[in-house]
Amino acid sequence: VGIGLTYTVITGFLNSTRVSVNSNELTVKHFPLPWIGNRTIPANQIAQLFCEQKIGQNNSRNSSGPSLSYNLYAVLKDRTKIKIAGGFTEPDEPRLLEEKIEERLKIQDQPVVGEYSN
């Protein structure tokens, strides 16, 4: 348990996430250390992308109330929901990424149940 927790903390500080898109696929790569979530999704399987708000416990003494973060998900044509990227502190960040990916893959934006809207 201690080793896993230590590795998680180290990857949280060192790793970056790269999302790349071409007409054939969307690729998510976490680096430089190996991490769960690396994936390649064929573009023709993606039905929609959307942003979801995550409400968590705020353990900081300087702030009260829940902590908010935002994640970007893909919904596949078989209705599988896959996390593309997460931990955004502002909703505009994953929304911009969503727009860019949808534009590149020529996906028309449609509302999704559970999608964050302000």
PDB file of N, CA and C in Angstrom:
ATOM      1  N   VAL A   1       0.833  -1.190   0.000  1.00  0.00           N
ATOM      2  CA  VAL A   1       0.000   0.000   0.000  1.00  0.00           C
ATOM      3  C   VAL A   1       0.879   1.256   0.000  1.00  0.00           C
ATOM      4  N   GLY A   2       1.932   1.240   0.824  1.00  0.00           N
ATOM      5  CA  GLY A   2       2.828   2.393   0.908  1.00  0.00           C
ATOM      6  C   GLY A   2       3.533   2.678  -0.407  1.00  0.00           C
ATOM      7  N   ILE A   3       3.956   1.626  -1.092  1.00  0.00           N
ATOM      8  CA  ILE A   3       4.646   1.793  -2.374  1.00  0.00           C
ATOM      9  C   ILE A   3       3.686   2.368  -3.411  1.00  0.00           C
ATOM     10  N   GLY A   4       2.459   1.842  -3.438  1.00  0.00           N
ATOM     11  CA  GLY A   4       1.462   2.334  -4.388  1.00  0.00           C
ATOM     12  C   GLY A   4       1.120   3.786  -4.160  1.00  0.00           C
ATOM     13  N   LEU A   5       0.961   4.161  -2.897  1.00  0.00           N
ATOM     14  CA  LEU A   5       0.650   5.541  -2.557  1.00  0.00           C
ATOM     15  C   LEU A   5       1.807   6.464  -2.935  1.00  0.00           C
ATOM     16  N   THR A   6       3.019   6.045  -2.648  1.00  0.00           N
ATOM     17  CA  THR A   6       4.203   6.836  -3.000  1.00  0.00           C
ATOM     18  C   THR A   6       4.292   7.031  -4.513  1.00  0.00           C
ATOM     19  N   TYR A   7       4.072   5.953  -5.284  1.00  0.00           N
ATOM     20  CA  TYR A   7       4.128   6.039  -6.746  1.00  0.00           C
ATOM     21  C   TYR A   7       3.047   6.990  -7.263  1.00  0.00           C
ATOM     22  N   THR A   8       1.854   6.912  -6.682  1.00  0.00           N
ATOM     23  CA  THR A   8       0.759   7.792  -7.092  1.00  0.00           C
ATOM     24  C   THR A   8       1.123   9.255  -6.862  1.00  0.00           C
ATOM     25  N   VAL A   9       1.702   9.556  -5.721  1.00  0.00           N
ATOM     26  CA  VAL A   9       2.096  10.933  -5.403  1.00  0.00           C
ATOM     27  C   VAL A   9       3.185  11.407  -6.370  1.00  0.00           C
ATOM     28  N   ILE A  10       4.168  10.565  -6.633  1.00  0.00           N
ATOM     29  CA  ILE A  10       5.265  10.934  -7.537  1.00  0.00           C
ATOM     30  C   ILE A  10       4.733  11.197  -8.946  1.00  0.00           C
ATOM     31  N   THR A  11       3.853  10.312  -9.443  1.00  0.00           N
ATOM     32  CA  THR A  11       3.315  10.528 -10.793  1.00  0.00           C
ATOM     33  C   THR A  11       2.459  11.791 -10.846  1.00  0.00           C
ATOM     34  N   GLY A  12       1.784  12.106  -9.740  1.00  0.00           N
ATOM     35  CA  GLY A  12       0.991  13.329  -9.689  1.00  0.00           C
ATOM     36  C   GLY A  12       1.838  14.581  -9.863  1.00  0.00           C
ATOM     37  N   PHE A  13       3.061  14.545  -9.366  1.00  0.00           N
ATOM     38  CA  PHE A  13       3.964  15.695  -9.495  1.00  0.00           C
ATOM     39  C   PHE A  13       4.716  15.705 -10.819  1.00  0.00           C
ATOM     40  N   LEU A  14       5.115  14.536 -11.312  1.00  0.00           N
ATOM     41  CA  LEU A  14       5.990  14.469 -12.474  1.00  0.00           C
ATOM     42  C   LEU A  14       5.279  14.309 -13.814  1.00  0.00           C
ATOM     43  N   ASN A  15       4.154  13.605 -13.818  1.00  0.00           N
ATOM     44  CA  ASN A  15       3.536  13.249 -15.088  1.00  0.00           C
ATOM     45  C   ASN A  15       2.761  14.383 -15.735  1.00  0.00           C
ATOM     46  N   SER A  16       2.713  14.315 -17.041  1.00  0.00           N
ATOM     47  CA  SER A  16       1.882  15.173 -17.873  1.00  0.00           C
ATOM     48  C   SER A  16       0.996  14.259 -18.702  1.00  0.00           C
ATOM     49  N   THR A  17      -0.066  14.820 -19.235  1.00  0.00           N
ATOM     50  CA  THR A  17      -0.958  14.062 -20.108  1.00  0.00           C
ATOM     51  C   THR A  17      -0.983  14.740 -21.463  1.00  0.00           C
ATOM     52  N   ARG A  18      -0.817  13.930 -22.496  1.00  0.00           N
ATOM     53  CA  ARG A  18      -0.891  14.445 -23.873  1.00  0.00           C
ATOM     54  C   ARG A  18      -2.080  13.775 -24.558  1.00  0.00           C
ATOM     55  N   VAL A  19      -2.956  14.601 -25.107  1.00  0.00           N
ATOM     56  CA  VAL A  19      -4.083  14.110 -25.895  1.00  0.00           C
ATOM     57  C   VAL A  19      -3.801  14.521 -27.331  1.00  0.00           C
ATOM     58  N   SER A  20      -3.746  13.527 -28.215  1.00  0.00           N
ATOM     59  CA  SER A  20      -3.526  13.835 -29.625  1.00  0.00           C
ATOM     60  C   SER A  20      -4.640  13.215 -30.452  1.00  0.00           C
ATOM     61  N   VAL A  21      -4.967  13.896 -31.540  1.00  0.00           N
ATOM     62  CA  VAL A  21      -6.093  13.490 -32.368  1.00  0.00           C
ATOM     63  C   VAL A  21      -5.691  13.592 -33.829  1.00  0.00           C
ATOM     64  N   ASN A  22      -6.036  12.557 -34.578  1.00  0.00           N
ATOM     65  CA  ASN A  22      -5.966  12.658 -36.031  1.00  0.00           C
ATOM     66  C   ASN A  22      -7.267  12.084 -36.578  1.00  0.00           C
ATOM     67  N   SER A  23      -7.403  12.016 -37.863  1.00  0.00           N
ATOM     68  CA  SER A  23      -8.674  11.580 -38.434  1.00  0.00           C
ATOM     69  C   SER A  23      -9.007  10.122 -38.120  1.00  0.00           C
ATOM     70  N   ASN A  24      -8.021   9.345 -37.673  1.00  0.00           N
ATOM     71  CA  ASN A  24      -8.238   7.922 -37.398  1.00  0.00           C
ATOM     72  C   ASN A  24      -8.407   7.575 -35.928  1.00  0.00           C
ATOM     73  N   GLU A  25      -7.811   8.380 -35.022  1.00  0.00           N
ATOM     74  CA  GLU A  25      -7.814   7.972 -33.614  1.00  0.00           C
ATOM     75  C   GLU A  25      -7.564   9.131 -32.663  1.00  0.00           C
ATOM     76  N   LEU A  26      -7.971   8.901 -31.412  1.00  0.00           N
ATOM     77  CA  LEU A  26      -7.678   9.804 -30.301  1.00  0.00           C
ATOM     78  C   LEU A  26      -6.759   9.020 -29.366  1.00  0.00           C
ATOM     79  N   THR A  27      -5.637   9.613 -29.013  1.00  0.00           N
ATOM     80  CA  THR A  27      -4.658   8.941 -28.165  1.00  0.00           C
ATOM     81  C   THR A  27      -4.438   9.750 -26.901  1.00  0.00           C
ATOM     82  N   VAL A  28      -4.452   9.068 -25.747  1.00  0.00           N
ATOM     83  CA  VAL A  28      -4.165   9.678 -24.452  1.00  0.00           C
ATOM     84  C   VAL A  28      -2.909   9.003 -23.923  1.00  0.00           C
ATOM     85  N   LYS A  29      -1.903   9.807 -23.597  1.00  0.00           N
ATOM     86  CA  LYS A  29      -0.626   9.276 -23.123  1.00  0.00           C
ATOM     87  C   LYS A  29      -0.195  10.044 -21.884  1.00  0.00           C
ATOM     88  N   HIS A  30       0.058   9.302 -20.802  1.00  0.00           N
ATOM     89  CA  HIS A  30       0.594   9.887 -19.568  1.00  0.00           C
ATOM     90  C   HIS A  30       2.094   9.572 -19.540  1.00  0.00           C
ATOM     91  N   PHE A  31       2.903  10.573 -19.242  1.00  0.00           N
ATOM     92  CA  PHE A  31       4.356  10.372 -19.260  1.00  0.00           C
ATOM     93  C   PHE A  31       5.028  11.349 -18.316  1.00  0.00           C
ATOM     94  N   PRO A  32       6.237  11.168 -17.866  1.00  0.00           N
ATOM     95  CA  PRO A  32       7.215  10.164 -18.281  1.00  0.00           C
ATOM     96  C   PRO A  32       7.046   8.805 -17.583  1.00  0.00           C
ATOM     97  N   LEU A  33       6.334   8.757 -16.455  1.00  0.00           N
ATOM     98  CA  LEU A  33       6.180   7.486 -15.737  1.00  0.00           C
ATOM     99  C   LEU A  33       4.924   6.759 -16.214  1.00  0.00           C
ATOM    100  N   PRO A  34       4.970   5.437 -16.320  1.00  0.00           N
ATOM    101  CA  PRO A  34       3.775   4.681 -16.725  1.00  0.00           C
ATOM    102  C   PRO A  34       2.615   4.939 -15.757  1.00  0.00           C
ATOM    103  N   TRP A  35       1.409   5.067 -16.325  1.00  0.00           N
ATOM    104  CA  TRP A  35       0.240   5.314 -15.500  1.00  0.00           C
ATOM    105  C   TRP A  35      -0.996   4.754 -16.184  1.00  0.00           C
ATOM    106  N   ILE A  36      -1.996   4.427 -15.373  1.00  0.00           N
ATOM    107  CA  ILE A  36      -3.259   3.910 -15.876  1.00  0.00           C
ATOM    108  C   ILE A  36      -3.939   4.985 -16.716  1.00  0.00           C
ATOM    109  N   GLY A  37      -4.541   4.586 -17.792  1.00  0.00           N
ATOM    110  CA  GLY A  37      -5.299   5.538 -18.603  1.00  0.00           C
ATOM    111  C   GLY A  37      -4.714   5.801 -19.961  1.00  0.00           C
ATOM    112  N   ASN A  38      -3.518   5.273 -20.245  1.00  0.00           N
ATOM    113  CA  ASN A  38      -3.002   5.398 -21.605  1.00  0.00           C
ATOM    114  C   ASN A  38      -3.932   4.611 -22.514  1.00  0.00           C
ATOM    115  N   ARG A  39      -4.350   5.224 -23.600  1.00  0.00           N
ATOM    116  CA  ARG A  39      -5.281   4.522 -24.489  1.00  0.00           C
ATOM    117  C   ARG A  39      -5.292   5.147 -25.870  1.00  0.00           C
ATOM    118  N   THR A  40      -5.720   4.348 -26.828  1.00  0.00           N
ATOM    119  CA  THR A  40      -5.969   4.814 -28.187  1.00  0.00           C
ATOM    120  C   THR A  40      -7.377   4.374 -28.553  1.00  0.00           C
ATOM    121  N   ILE A  41      -8.184   5.337 -28.983  1.00  0.00           N
ATOM    122  CA  ILE A  41      -9.574   5.065 -29.316  1.00  0.00           C
ATOM    123  C   ILE A  41      -9.776   5.362 -30.800  1.00  0.00           C
ATOM    124  N   PRO A  42     -10.252   4.384 -31.566  1.00  0.00           N
ATOM    125  CA  PRO A  42     -10.547   4.663 -32.974  1.00  0.00           C
ATOM    126  C   PRO A  42     -11.575   5.788 -33.096  1.00  0.00           C
ATOM    127  N   ALA A  43     -11.304   6.737 -33.968  1.00  0.00           N
ATOM    128  CA  ALA A  43     -12.177   7.905 -34.115  1.00  0.00           C
ATOM    129  C   ALA A  43     -13.601   7.518 -34.496  1.00  0.00           C
ATOM    130  N   ASN A  44     -13.748   6.473 -35.288  1.00  0.00           N
ATOM    131  CA  ASN A  44     -15.091   6.098 -35.733  1.00  0.00           C
ATOM    132  C   ASN A  44     -15.929   5.449 -34.627  1.00  0.00           C
ATOM    133  N   GLN A  45     -15.354   5.223 -33.453  1.00  0.00           N
ATOM    134  CA  GLN A  45     -16.109   4.688 -32.323  1.00  0.00           C
ATOM    135  C   GLN A  45     -16.602   5.777 -31.373  1.00  0.00           C
ATOM    136  N   ILE A  46     -16.130   7.010 -31.537  1.00  0.00           N
ATOM    137  CA  ILE A  46     -16.496   8.103 -30.626  1.00  0.00           C
ATOM    138  C   ILE A  46     -17.791   8.758 -31.095  1.00  0.00           C
ATOM    139  N   ALA A  47     -18.805   8.736 -30.221  1.00  0.00           N
ATOM    140  CA  ALA A  47     -20.094   9.351 -30.538  1.00  0.00           C
ATOM    141  C   ALA A  47     -20.159  10.795 -30.054  1.00  0.00           C
ATOM    142  N   GLN A  48     -19.578  11.066 -28.876  1.00  0.00           N
ATOM    143  CA  GLN A  48     -19.693  12.393 -28.277  1.00  0.00           C
ATOM    144  C   GLN A  48     -18.620  12.581 -27.218  1.00  0.00           C
ATOM    145  N   LEU A  49     -18.302  13.839 -26.923  1.00  0.00           N
ATOM    146  CA  LEU A  49     -17.417  14.200 -25.822  1.00  0.00           C
ATOM    147  C   LEU A  49     -18.180  15.148 -24.909  1.00  0.00           C
ATOM    148  N   PHE A  50     -17.839  15.109 -23.612  1.00  0.00           N
ATOM    149  CA  PHE A  50     -18.519  16.019 -22.687  1.00  0.00           C
ATOM    150  C   PHE A  50     -17.680  16.233 -21.434  1.00  0.00           C
ATOM    151  N   CYS A  51     -17.990  17.330 -20.746  1.00  0.00           N
ATOM    152  CA  CYS A  51     -17.321  17.716 -19.508  1.00  0.00           C
ATOM    153  C   CYS A  51     -18.238  17.382 -18.331  1.00  0.00           C
ATOM    154  N   GLU A  52     -17.652  16.816 -17.285  1.00  0.00           N
ATOM    155  CA  GLU A  52     -18.416  16.464 -16.092  1.00  0.00           C
ATOM    156  C   GLU A  52     -17.748  17.090 -14.866  1.00  0.00           C
ATOM    157  N   GLN A  53     -18.547  17.634 -13.976  1.00  0.00           N
ATOM    158  CA  GLN A  53     -18.039  18.220 -12.741  1.00  0.00           C
ATOM    159  C   GLN A  53     -17.937  17.135 -11.673  1.00  0.00           C
ATOM    160  N   LYS A  54     -16.832  17.147 -10.940  1.00  0.00           N
ATOM    161  CA  LYS A  54     -16.634  16.212  -9.833  1.00  0.00           C
ATOM    162  C   LYS A  54     -16.587  17.027  -8.541  1.00  0.00           C
ATOM    163  N   ILE A  55     -17.410  16.637  -7.585  1.00  0.00           N
ATOM    164  CA  ILE A  55     -17.454  17.323  -6.299  1.00  0.00           C
ATOM    165  C   ILE A  55     -16.782  16.430  -5.272  1.00  0.00           C
ATOM    166  N   GLY A  56     -15.765  16.970  -4.602  1.00  0.00           N
ATOM    167  CA  GLY A  56     -15.020  16.190  -3.615  1.00  0.00           C
ATOM    168  C   GLY A  56     -14.940  16.924  -2.289  1.00  0.00           C
ATOM    169  N   GLN A  57     -14.333  16.266  -1.330  1.00  0.00           N
ATOM    170  CA  GLN A  57     -14.118  16.860  -0.015  1.00  0.00           C
ATOM    171  C   GLN A  57     -12.927  17.796  -0.078  1.00  0.00           C
ATOM    172  N   ASN A  58     -13.053  18.959   0.508  1.00  0.00           N
ATOM    173  CA  ASN A  58     -11.951  19.902   0.585  1.00  0.00           C
ATOM    174  C   ASN A  58     -11.312  19.754   1.962  1.00  0.00           C
ATOM    175  N   ASN A  59     -10.079  19.279   1.983  1.00  0.00           N
ATOM    176  CA  ASN A  59      -9.379  19.052   3.245  1.00  0.00           C
ATOM    177  C   ASN A  59      -8.466  20.212   3.635  1.00  0.00           C
ATOM    178  N   SER A  60      -8.539  21.299   2.904  1.00  0.00           N
ATOM    179  CA  SER A  60      -7.683  22.450   3.173  1.00  0.00           C
ATOM    180  C   SER A  60      -8.250  23.277   4.325  1.00  0.00           C
ATOM    181  N   ARG A  61      -7.384  23.758   5.172  1.00  0.00           N
ATOM    182  CA  ARG A  61      -7.811  24.634   6.272  1.00  0.00           C
ATOM    183  C   ARG A  61      -8.163  26.028   5.776  1.00  0.00           C
ATOM    184  N   ASN A  62      -7.652  26.381   4.593  1.00  0.00           N
ATOM    185  CA  ASN A  62      -7.856  27.726   4.060  1.00  0.00           C
ATOM    186  C   ASN A  62      -9.164  27.887   3.295  1.00  0.00           C
ATOM    187  N   SER A  63      -9.874  26.815   3.069  1.00  0.00           N
ATOM    188  CA  SER A  63     -11.077  26.884   2.260  1.00  0.00           C
ATOM    189  C   SER A  63     -12.170  26.014   2.863  1.00  0.00           C
ATOM    190  N   SER A  64     -13.379  26.499   2.783  1.00  0.00           N
ATOM    191  CA  SER A  64     -14.498  25.690   3.265  1.00  0.00           C
ATOM    192  C   SER A  64     -15.335  25.253   2.070  1.00  0.00           C
ATOM    193  N   GLY A  65     -16.145  24.249   2.282  1.00  0.00           N
ATOM    194  CA  GLY A  65     -16.996  23.753   1.214  1.00  0.00           C
ATOM    195  C   GLY A  65     -16.305  22.691   0.384  1.00  0.00           C
ATOM    196  N   PRO A  66     -17.015  22.173  -0.599  1.00  0.00           N
ATOM    197  CA  PRO A  66     -16.468  21.086  -1.419  1.00  0.00           C
ATOM    198  C   PRO A  66     -15.417  21.591  -2.405  1.00  0.00           C
ATOM    199  N   SER A  67     -14.559  20.674  -2.856  1.00  0.00           N
ATOM    200  CA  SER A  67     -13.617  21.013  -3.921  1.00  0.00           C
ATOM    201  C   SER A  67     -14.234  20.575  -5.235  1.00  0.00           C
ATOM    202  N   LEU A  68     -14.030  21.357  -6.273  1.00  0.00           N
ATOM    203  CA  LEU A  68     -14.597  21.063  -7.575  1.00  0.00           C
ATOM    204  C   LEU A  68     -13.478  20.800  -8.568  1.00  0.00           C
ATOM    205  N   SER A  69     -13.665  19.790  -9.401  1.00  0.00           N
ATOM    206  CA  SER A  69     -12.764  19.548 -10.517  1.00  0.00           C
ATOM    207  C   SER A  69     -13.611  19.116 -11.699  1.00  0.00           C
ATOM    208  N   TYR A  70     -12.993  19.094 -12.866  1.00  0.00           N
ATOM    209  CA  TYR A  70     -13.718  18.832 -14.094  1.00  0.00           C
ATOM    210  C   TYR A  70     -12.960  17.804 -14.919  1.00  0.00           C
ATOM    211  N   ASN A  71     -13.698  16.865 -15.501  1.00  0.00           N
ATOM    212  CA  ASN A  71     -13.118  15.794 -16.294  1.00  0.00           C
ATOM    213  C   ASN A  71     -13.720  15.800 -17.688  1.00  0.00           C
ATOM    214  N   LEU A  72     -12.937  15.356 -18.656  1.00  0.00           N
ATOM    215  CA  LEU A  72     -13.404  15.220 -20.029  1.00  0.00           C
ATOM    216  C   LEU A  72     -13.607  13.746 -20.327  1.00  0.00           C
ATOM    217  N   TYR A  73     -14.781  13.402 -20.849  1.00  0.00           N
ATOM    218  CA  TYR A  73     -15.130  12.018 -21.170  1.00  0.00           C
ATOM    219  C   TYR A  73     -15.504  11.893 -22.632  1.00  0.00           C
ATOM    220  N   ALA A  74     -15.308  10.694 -23.159  1.00  0.00           N
ATOM    221  CA  ALA A  74     -15.822  10.328 -24.480  1.00  0.00           C
ATOM    222  C   ALA A  74     -16.913   9.291 -24.270  1.00  0.00           C
ATOM    223  N   VAL A  75     -17.979   9.403 -25.040  1.00  0.00           N
ATOM    224  CA  VAL A  75     -19.012   8.382 -25.071  1.00  0.00           C
ATOM    225  C   VAL A  75     -18.851   7.674 -26.409  1.00  0.00           C
ATOM    226  N   LEU A  76     -18.646   6.359 -26.335  1.00  0.00           N
ATOM    227  CA  LEU A  76     -18.477   5.592 -27.561  1.00  0.00           C
ATOM    228  C   LEU A  76     -19.834   5.225 -28.138  1.00  0.00           C
ATOM    229  N   LYS A  77     -19.845   4.766 -29.363  1.00  0.00           N
ATOM    230  CA  LYS A  77     -21.099   4.398 -30.026  1.00  0.00           C
ATOM    231  C   LYS A  77     -21.801   3.248 -29.332  1.00  0.00           C
ATOM    232  N   ASP A  78     -21.056   2.430 -28.575  1.00  0.00           N
ATOM    233  CA  ASP A  78     -21.692   1.352 -27.804  1.00  0.00           C
ATOM    234  C   ASP A  78     -22.135   1.833 -26.419  1.00  0.00           C
ATOM    235  N   ARG A  79     -22.083   3.168 -26.194  1.00  0.00           N
ATOM    236  CA  ARG A  79     -22.495   3.858 -24.962  1.00  0.00           C
ATOM    237  C   ARG A  79     -21.522   3.713 -23.797  1.00  0.00           C
ATOM    238  N   THR A  80     -20.337   3.167 -24.047  1.00  0.00           N
ATOM    239  CA  THR A  80     -19.292   3.113 -23.033  1.00  0.00           C
ATOM    240  C   THR A  80     -18.783   4.530 -22.785  1.00  0.00           C
ATOM    241  N   LYS A  81     -18.574   4.867 -21.522  1.00  0.00           N
ATOM    242  CA  LYS A  81     -18.065   6.188 -21.123  1.00  0.00           C
ATOM    243  C   LYS A  81     -16.598   6.010 -20.722  1.00  0.00           C
ATOM    244  N   ILE A  82     -15.701   6.767 -21.356  1.00  0.00           N
ATOM    245  CA  ILE A  82     -14.261   6.652 -21.106  1.00  0.00           C
ATOM    246  C   ILE A  82     -13.702   8.013 -20.719  1.00  0.00           C
ATOM    247  N   LYS A  83     -12.962   8.048 -19.620  1.00  0.00           N
ATOM    248  CA  LYS A  83     -12.318   9.295 -19.191  1.00  0.00           C
ATOM    249  C   LYS A  83     -11.115   9.571 -20.092  1.00  0.00           C
ATOM    250  N   ILE A  84     -11.098  10.771 -20.648  1.00  0.00           N
ATOM    251  CA  ILE A  84     -10.001  11.190 -21.518  1.00  0.00           C
ATOM    252  C   ILE A  84      -8.943  11.927 -20.703  1.00  0.00           C
ATOM    253  N   ALA A  85      -9.371  12.897 -19.908  1.00  0.00           N
ATOM    254  CA  ALA A  85      -8.450  13.685 -19.083  1.00  0.00           C
ATOM    255  C   ALA A  85      -9.234  14.242 -17.905  1.00  0.00           C
ATOM    256  N   GLY A  86      -8.542  14.474 -16.799  1.00  0.00           N
ATOM    257  CA  GLY A  86      -9.243  14.953 -15.621  1.00  0.00           C
ATOM    258  C   GLY A  86      -8.403  15.838 -14.734  1.00  0.00           C
ATOM    259  N   GLY A  87      -9.042  16.282 -13.667  1.00  0.00           N
ATOM    260  CA  GLY A  87      -8.361  17.105 -12.687  1.00  0.00           C
ATOM    261  C   GLY A  87      -8.274  18.570 -13.065  1.00  0.00           C
ATOM    262  N   PHE A  88      -9.069  19.001 -14.029  1.00  0.00           N
ATOM    263  CA  PHE A  88      -9.070  20.413 -14.414  1.00  0.00           C
ATOM    264  C   PHE A  88      -9.720  21.218 -13.293  1.00  0.00           C
ATOM    265  N   THR A  89      -9.181  22.398 -13.016  1.00  0.00           N
ATOM    266  CA  THR A  89      -9.732  23.228 -11.950  1.00  0.00           C
ATOM    267  C   THR A  89     -10.772  24.225 -12.452  1.00  0.00           C
ATOM    268  N   GLU A  90     -10.809  24.444 -13.744  1.00  0.00           N
ATOM    269  CA  GLU A  90     -11.777  25.353 -14.354  1.00  0.00           C
ATOM    270  C   GLU A  90     -12.529  24.612 -15.454  1.00  0.00           C
ATOM    271  N   PRO A  91     -13.852  24.798 -15.576  1.00  0.00           N
ATOM    272  CA  PRO A  91     -14.609  24.070 -16.593  1.00  0.00           C
ATOM    273  C   PRO A  91     -14.267  24.458 -18.025  1.00  0.00           C
ATOM    274  N   ASP A  92     -13.726  25.663 -18.222  1.00  0.00           N
ATOM    275  CA  ASP A  92     -13.388  26.096 -19.577  1.00  0.00           C
ATOM    276  C   ASP A  92     -12.257  25.269 -20.190  1.00  0.00           C
ATOM    277  N   GLU A  93     -11.372  24.720 -19.355  1.00  0.00           N
ATOM    278  CA  GLU A  93     -10.232  23.954 -19.872  1.00  0.00           C
ATOM    279  C   GLU A  93     -10.682  22.675 -20.588  1.00  0.00           C
ATOM    280  N   PRO A  94     -11.465  21.791 -19.942  1.00  0.00           N
ATOM    281  CA  PRO A  94     -11.892  20.596 -20.671  1.00  0.00           C
ATOM    282  C   PRO A  94     -12.888  20.910 -21.791  1.00  0.00           C
ATOM    283  N   ARG A  95     -13.650  21.981 -21.636  1.00  0.00           N
ATOM    284  CA  ARG A  95     -14.600  22.351 -22.695  1.00  0.00           C
ATOM    285  C   ARG A  95     -13.870  22.777 -23.962  1.00  0.00           C
ATOM    286  N   LEU A  96     -12.778  23.510 -23.814  1.00  0.00           N
ATOM    287  CA  LEU A  96     -11.989  23.908 -24.977  1.00  0.00           C
ATOM    288  C   LEU A  96     -11.400  22.668 -25.654  1.00  0.00           C
ATOM    289  N   LEU A  97     -10.883  21.751 -24.848  1.00  0.00           N
ATOM    290  CA  LEU A  97     -10.341  20.509 -25.392  1.00  0.00           C
ATOM    291  C   LEU A  97     -11.441  19.720 -26.104  1.00  0.00           C
ATOM    292  N   GLU A  98     -12.624  19.658 -25.500  1.00  0.00           N
ATOM    293  CA  GLU A  98     -13.778  18.986 -26.119  1.00  0.00           C
ATOM    294  C   GLU A  98     -14.084  19.590 -27.483  1.00  0.00           C
ATOM    295  N   GLU A  99     -14.159  20.918 -27.548  1.00  0.00           N
ATOM    296  CA  GLU A  99     -14.466  21.600 -28.807  1.00  0.00           C
ATOM    297  C   GLU A  99     -13.435  21.301 -29.881  1.00  0.00           C
ATOM    298  N   LYS A 100     -12.158  21.329 -29.501  1.00  0.00           N
ATOM    299  CA  LYS A 100     -11.076  21.085 -30.467  1.00  0.00           C
ATOM    300  C   LYS A 100     -11.128  19.652 -31.007  1.00  0.00           C
ATOM    301  N   ILE A 101     -11.380  18.687 -30.112  1.00  0.00           N
ATOM    302  CA  ILE A 101     -11.446  17.288 -30.547  1.00  0.00           C
ATOM    303  C   ILE A 101     -12.660  17.068 -31.444  1.00  0.00           C
ATOM    304  N   GLU A 102     -13.814  17.611 -31.038  1.00  0.00           N
ATOM    305  CA  GLU A 102     -15.018  17.454 -31.855  1.00  0.00           C
ATOM    306  C   GLU A 102     -14.837  18.099 -33.228  1.00  0.00           C
ATOM    307  N   GLU A 103     -14.188  19.241 -33.254  1.00  0.00           N
ATOM    308  CA  GLU A 103     -13.922  19.917 -34.528  1.00  0.00           C
ATOM    309  C   GLU A 103     -13.032  19.041 -35.414  1.00  0.00           C
ATOM    310  N   ARG A 104     -11.980  18.508 -34.830  1.00  0.00           N
ATOM    311  CA  ARG A 104     -11.028  17.681 -35.590  1.00  0.00           C
ATOM    312  C   ARG A 104     -11.671  16.396 -36.111  1.00  0.00           C
ATOM    313  N   LEU A 105     -12.556  15.790 -35.292  1.00  0.00           N
ATOM    314  CA  LEU A 105     -13.193  14.527 -35.679  1.00  0.00           C
ATOM    315  C   LEU A 105     -14.542  14.737 -36.377  1.00  0.00           C
ATOM    316  N   LYS A 106     -14.920  16.020 -36.560  1.00  0.00           N
ATOM    317  CA  LYS A 106     -16.182  16.363 -37.212  1.00  0.00           C
ATOM    318  C   LYS A 106     -17.385  15.747 -36.484  1.00  0.00           C
ATOM    319  N   ILE A 107     -17.379  15.888 -35.158  1.00  0.00           N
ATOM    320  CA  ILE A 107     -18.480  15.416 -34.318  1.00  0.00           C
ATOM    321  C   ILE A 107     -19.330  16.630 -33.960  1.00  0.00           C
ATOM    322  N   GLN A 108     -20.614  16.559 -34.250  1.00  0.00           N
ATOM    323  CA  GLN A 108     -21.521  17.649 -33.900  1.00  0.00           C
ATOM    324  C   GLN A 108     -21.834  17.557 -32.410  1.00  0.00           C
ATOM    325  N   ASP A 109     -21.670  18.668 -31.693  1.00  0.00           N
ATOM    326  CA  ASP A 109     -21.898  18.680 -30.251  1.00  0.00           C
ATOM    327  C   ASP A 109     -23.368  18.431 -29.947  1.00  0.00           C
ATOM    328  N   GLN A 110     -23.613  17.481 -29.042  1.00  0.00           N
ATOM    329  CA  GLN A 110     -24.951  17.141 -28.591  1.00  0.00           C
ATOM    330  C   GLN A 110     -24.937  17.089 -27.068  1.00  0.00           C
ATOM    331  N   PRO A 111     -26.065  17.416 -26.413  1.00  0.00           N
ATOM    332  CA  PRO A 111     -26.103  17.314 -24.948  1.00  0.00           C
ATOM    333  C   PRO A 111     -25.976  15.857 -24.508  1.00  0.00           C
ATOM    334  N   VAL A 112     -25.331  15.649 -23.339  1.00  0.00           N
ATOM    335  CA  VAL A 112     -25.141  14.333 -22.770  1.00  0.00           C
ATOM    336  C   VAL A 112     -25.664  14.380 -21.334  1.00  0.00           C
ATOM    337  N   VAL A 113     -26.372  13.348 -20.906  1.00  0.00           N
ATOM    338  CA  VAL A 113     -26.871  13.273 -19.533  1.00  0.00           C
ATOM    339  C   VAL A 113     -25.674  13.310 -18.579  1.00  0.00           C
ATOM    340  N   GLY A 114     -25.718  14.202 -17.595  1.00  0.00           N
ATOM    341  CA  GLY A 114     -24.628  14.338 -16.631  1.00  0.00           C
ATOM    342  C   GLY A 114     -23.590  15.370 -17.028  1.00  0.00           C
ATOM    343  N   GLU A 115     -23.749  15.974 -18.204  1.00  0.00           N
ATOM    344  CA  GLU A 115     -22.803  16.969 -18.687  1.00  0.00           C
ATOM    345  C   GLU A 115     -22.878  18.224 -17.819  1.00  0.00           C
ATOM    346  N   TYR A 116     -21.717  18.795 -17.508  1.00  0.00           N
ATOM    347  CA  TYR A 116     -21.690  20.019 -16.714  1.00  0.00           C
ATOM    348  C   TYR A 116     -22.072  21.202 -17.596  1.00  0.00           C
ATOM    349  N   SER A 117     -22.994  22.008 -17.096  1.00  0.00           N
ATOM    350  CA  SER A 117     -23.326  23.277 -17.757  1.00  0.00           C
ATOM    351  C   SER A 117     -23.540  24.325 -16.690  1.00  0.00           C
ATOM    352  N   ASN A 118     -23.004  25.493 -16.895  1.00  0.00           N
ATOM    353  CA  ASN A 118     -23.158  26.541 -15.886  1.00  0.00           C
ATOM    354  C   ASN A 118     -24.106  27.603 -16.312  1.00  0.00           C
TER     355      ASN A 118
END
